[in-house]
Amino acid sequence: MVLSRDLGLILEPILEENGHRYGSKFHVLKHQDNQMLLRDILSVIDATELHTLTKALKSNSPAVRYWAATLLGVRGDRTHTKALARLIKDASSGVRVARALALCRLGDVNDRR
């Protein structure tokens, strides 16, 4: 995936946003800012410790934040709801949706933050 610059792990809305920023979706992973993006995403997906995922929620990359929020919803527990709640005003709509889904999975369906 890294060698072929596979875009499959970047959520489509995030990829669209980045495509506008870098000239096209094709150029997203070619830009200097994103040379480590796929490796960063894969390290979040492969993370075995939940604190790695909560730390990734603060990444500069919305794609990394998306995967961290998604995986906390799948692997986490209710102790992670506060960390997820902080993403309520995230600049990326994809991250905000991942946050909402994660909170629902963790049983926080009455999120009023």
C-alpha atoms as a PDB file:
ATOM      1  CA  MET A   1       0.000   0.000   0.000  1.00  0.00           C
ATOM      2  CA  VAL A   2       2.776   2.405   0.866  1.00  0.00           C
ATOM      3  CA  LEU A   3       4.841   1.670  -2.235  1.00  0.00           C
ATOM      4  CA  SER A   4       1.869   2.001  -4.590  1.00  0.00           C
ATOM      5  CA  ARG A   5       0.514   5.059  -2.730  1.00  0.00           C
ATOM      6  CA  ASP A   6      -2.849   3.385  -2.274  1.00  0.00           C
ATOM      7  CA  LEU A   7      -5.503   5.964  -1.345  1.00  0.00           C
ATOM      8  CA  GLY A   8      -7.960   3.353  -0.041  1.00  0.00           C
ATOM      9  CA  LEU A   9      -7.361   4.088   3.632  1.00  0.00           C
ATOM     10  CA  ILE A  10      -8.212   7.759   3.293  1.00  0.00           C
ATOM     11  CA  LEU A  11     -11.927   8.395   3.786  1.00  0.00           C
ATOM     12  CA  GLU A  12     -13.451   9.874   0.630  1.00  0.00           C
ATOM     13  CA  PRO A  13     -14.529  13.238   2.143  1.00  0.00           C
ATOM     14  CA  ILE A  14     -11.054  13.692   3.618  1.00  0.00           C
ATOM     15  CA  LEU A  15      -9.472  12.689   0.322  1.00  0.00           C
ATOM     16  CA  GLU A  16     -11.667  15.228  -1.503  1.00  0.00           C
ATOM     17  CA  GLU A  17     -10.645  17.983   0.941  1.00  0.00           C
ATOM     18  CA  ASN A  18      -6.978  17.107   0.524  1.00  0.00           C
ATOM     19  CA  GLY A  19      -7.364  16.828  -3.238  1.00  0.00           C
ATOM     20  CA  HIS A  20      -8.509  20.433  -3.358  1.00  0.00           C
ATOM     21  CA  ARG A  21      -5.645  21.473  -1.109  1.00  0.00           C
ATOM     22  CA  TYR A  22      -2.919  19.682  -3.095  1.00  0.00           C
ATOM     23  CA  GLY A  23      -4.290  20.116  -6.619  1.00  0.00           C
ATOM     24  CA  SER A  24      -5.865  16.675  -7.060  1.00  0.00           C
ATOM     25  CA  LYS A  25      -6.421  13.421  -5.180  1.00  0.00           C
ATOM     26  CA  PHE A  26      -3.575  11.947  -7.216  1.00  0.00           C
ATOM     27  CA  HIS A  27      -1.145  14.488  -5.710  1.00  0.00           C
ATOM     28  CA  VAL A  28      -2.162  14.051  -2.063  1.00  0.00           C
ATOM     29  CA  LEU A  29       0.385  11.351  -1.236  1.00  0.00           C
ATOM     30  CA  LYS A  30       3.029  12.858  -3.499  1.00  0.00           C
ATOM     31  CA  HIS A  31       3.135  16.088  -1.516  1.00  0.00           C
ATOM     32  CA  GLN A  32       5.957  16.503   0.985  1.00  0.00           C
ATOM     33  CA  ASP A  33       3.462  17.084   3.834  1.00  0.00           C
ATOM     34  CA  ASN A  34       2.031  13.595   3.350  1.00  0.00           C
ATOM     35  CA  GLN A  35       5.100  11.430   2.764  1.00  0.00           C
ATOM     36  CA  MET A  36       4.432   9.492   5.987  1.00  0.00           C
ATOM     37  CA  LEU A  37       0.639   9.628   5.928  1.00  0.00           C
ATOM     38  CA  LEU A  38      -0.027   6.010   4.935  1.00  0.00           C
ATOM     39  CA  ARG A  39       2.520   4.742   7.428  1.00  0.00           C
ATOM     40  CA  ASP A  40       0.937   6.886  10.136  1.00  0.00           C
ATOM     41  CA  ILE A  41      -2.521   5.518   9.286  1.00  0.00           C
ATOM     42  CA  LEU A  42      -1.255   1.942   9.249  1.00  0.00           C
ATOM     43  CA  SER A  43       0.469   2.405  12.608  1.00  0.00           C
ATOM     44  CA  VAL A  44      -2.833   3.596  14.095  1.00  0.00           C
ATOM     45  CA  ILE A  45      -4.704   0.654  12.572  1.00  0.00           C
ATOM     46  CA  ASP A  46      -2.071  -1.751  13.917  1.00  0.00           C
ATOM     47  CA  ALA A  47      -1.929  -0.110  17.372  1.00  0.00           C
ATOM     48  CA  THR A  48      -2.393  -2.574  20.192  1.00  0.00           C
ATOM     49  CA  GLU A  49      -2.496  -0.031  23.017  1.00  0.00           C
ATOM     50  CA  LEU A  50      -5.501   2.239  23.396  1.00  0.00           C
ATOM     51  CA  HIS A  51      -3.406   5.186  24.567  1.00  0.00           C
ATOM     52  CA  THR A  52      -1.795   5.172  21.101  1.00  0.00           C
ATOM     53  CA  LEU A  53      -5.253   5.715  19.617  1.00  0.00           C
ATOM     54  CA  THR A  54      -6.137   8.520  22.046  1.00  0.00           C
ATOM     55  CA  LYS A  55      -2.839  10.211  21.205  1.00  0.00           C
ATOM     56  CA  ALA A  56      -3.625   9.877  17.486  1.00  0.00           C
ATOM     57  CA  LEU A  57      -6.860  11.832  18.038  1.00  0.00           C
ATOM     58  CA  LYS A  58      -4.607  14.909  18.256  1.00  0.00           C
ATOM     59  CA  SER A  59      -2.830  14.277  14.946  1.00  0.00           C
ATOM     60  CA  ASN A  60      -2.576  17.084  12.408  1.00  0.00           C
ATOM     61  CA  SER A  61      -3.951  14.684   9.811  1.00  0.00           C
ATOM     62  CA  PRO A  62      -7.726  14.239   9.628  1.00  0.00           C
ATOM     63  CA  ALA A  63      -7.198  10.775   8.101  1.00  0.00           C
ATOM     64  CA  VAL A  64      -5.242   9.683  11.180  1.00  0.00           C
ATOM     65  CA  ARG A  65      -7.834  11.238  13.518  1.00  0.00           C
ATOM     66  CA  TYR A  66     -10.603   9.448  11.602  1.00  0.00           C
ATOM     67  CA  TRP A  67      -8.979   6.040  12.068  1.00  0.00           C
ATOM     68  CA  ALA A  68      -8.181   6.717  15.729  1.00  0.00           C
ATOM     69  CA  ALA A  69     -11.796   7.683  16.465  1.00  0.00           C
ATOM     70  CA  THR A  70     -13.173   4.732  14.501  1.00  0.00           C
ATOM     71  CA  LEU A  71     -10.926   2.234  16.239  1.00  0.00           C
ATOM     72  CA  LEU A  72     -11.588   3.652  19.707  1.00  0.00           C
ATOM     73  CA  GLY A  73     -15.251   3.056  18.996  1.00  0.00           C
ATOM     74  CA  VAL A  74     -14.524  -0.546  18.105  1.00  0.00           C
ATOM     75  CA  ARG A  75     -11.786  -1.390  20.623  1.00  0.00           C
ATOM     76  CA  GLY A  76     -12.228   1.181  23.363  1.00  0.00           C
ATOM     77  CA  ASP A  77     -14.382   1.487  26.409  1.00  0.00           C
ATOM     78  CA  ARG A  78     -16.366   4.239  28.070  1.00  0.00           C
ATOM     79  CA  THR A  79     -13.206   5.780  29.535  1.00  0.00           C
ATOM     80  CA  HIS A  80     -12.426   7.090  26.045  1.00  0.00           C
ATOM     81  CA  THR A  81     -15.632   9.088  25.585  1.00  0.00           C
ATOM     82  CA  LYS A  82     -14.089  12.328  26.876  1.00  0.00           C
ATOM     83  CA  ALA A  83     -11.198  12.111  24.411  1.00  0.00           C
ATOM     84  CA  LEU A  84     -13.647  11.459  21.586  1.00  0.00           C
ATOM     85  CA  ALA A  85     -15.971  14.244  22.719  1.00  0.00           C
ATOM     86  CA  ARG A  86     -13.218  16.797  22.098  1.00  0.00           C
ATOM     87  CA  LEU A  87     -13.579  16.154  18.359  1.00  0.00           C
ATOM     88  CA  ILE A  88     -17.048  17.733  18.250  1.00  0.00           C
ATOM     89  CA  LYS A  89     -15.716  20.797  16.416  1.00  0.00           C
ATOM     90  CA  ASP A  90     -13.119  19.015  14.298  1.00  0.00           C
ATOM     91  CA  ALA A  91     -12.511  20.757  10.979  1.00  0.00           C
ATOM     92  CA  SER A  92     -13.155  17.505   9.094  1.00  0.00           C
ATOM     93  CA  SER A  93     -16.731  16.301   8.698  1.00  0.00           C
ATOM     94  CA  GLY A  94     -15.426  12.739   8.332  1.00  0.00           C
ATOM     95  CA  VAL A  95     -13.761  12.930  11.733  1.00  0.00           C
ATOM     96  CA  ARG A  96     -16.922  14.352  13.319  1.00  0.00           C
ATOM     97  CA  VAL A  97     -18.966  11.460  11.903  1.00  0.00           C
ATOM     98  CA  ALA A  98     -16.399   8.890  13.103  1.00  0.00           C
ATOM     99  CA  ARG A  99     -16.531  10.527  16.531  1.00  0.00           C
ATOM    100  CA  ALA A 100     -20.335  10.281  16.687  1.00  0.00           C
ATOM    101  CA  LEU A 101     -20.314   6.634  15.604  1.00  0.00           C
ATOM    102  CA  ALA A 102     -17.600   5.781  18.113  1.00  0.00           C
ATOM    103  CA  LEU A 103     -19.524   7.406  20.953  1.00  0.00           C
ATOM    104  CA  CYS A 104     -22.637   5.447  19.968  1.00  0.00           C
ATOM    105  CA  ARG A 105     -20.654   2.209  19.931  1.00  0.00           C
ATOM    106  CA  LEU A 106     -19.363   3.023  23.398  1.00  0.00           C
ATOM    107  CA  GLY A 107     -22.896   3.583  24.656  1.00  0.00           C
ATOM    108  CA  ASP A 108     -22.803   7.387  24.810  1.00  0.00           C
ATOM    109  CA  VAL A 109     -25.949   7.938  22.725  1.00  0.00           C
ATOM    110  CA  ASN A 110     -27.007  11.083  24.606  1.00  0.00           C
ATOM    111  CA  ASP A 111     -23.900  13.072  23.688  1.00  0.00           C
ATOM    112  CA  ARG A 112     -24.651  16.724  24.486  1.00  0.00           C
ATOM    113  CA  ARG A 113     -21.141  18.097  24.469  1.00  0.00           C
END
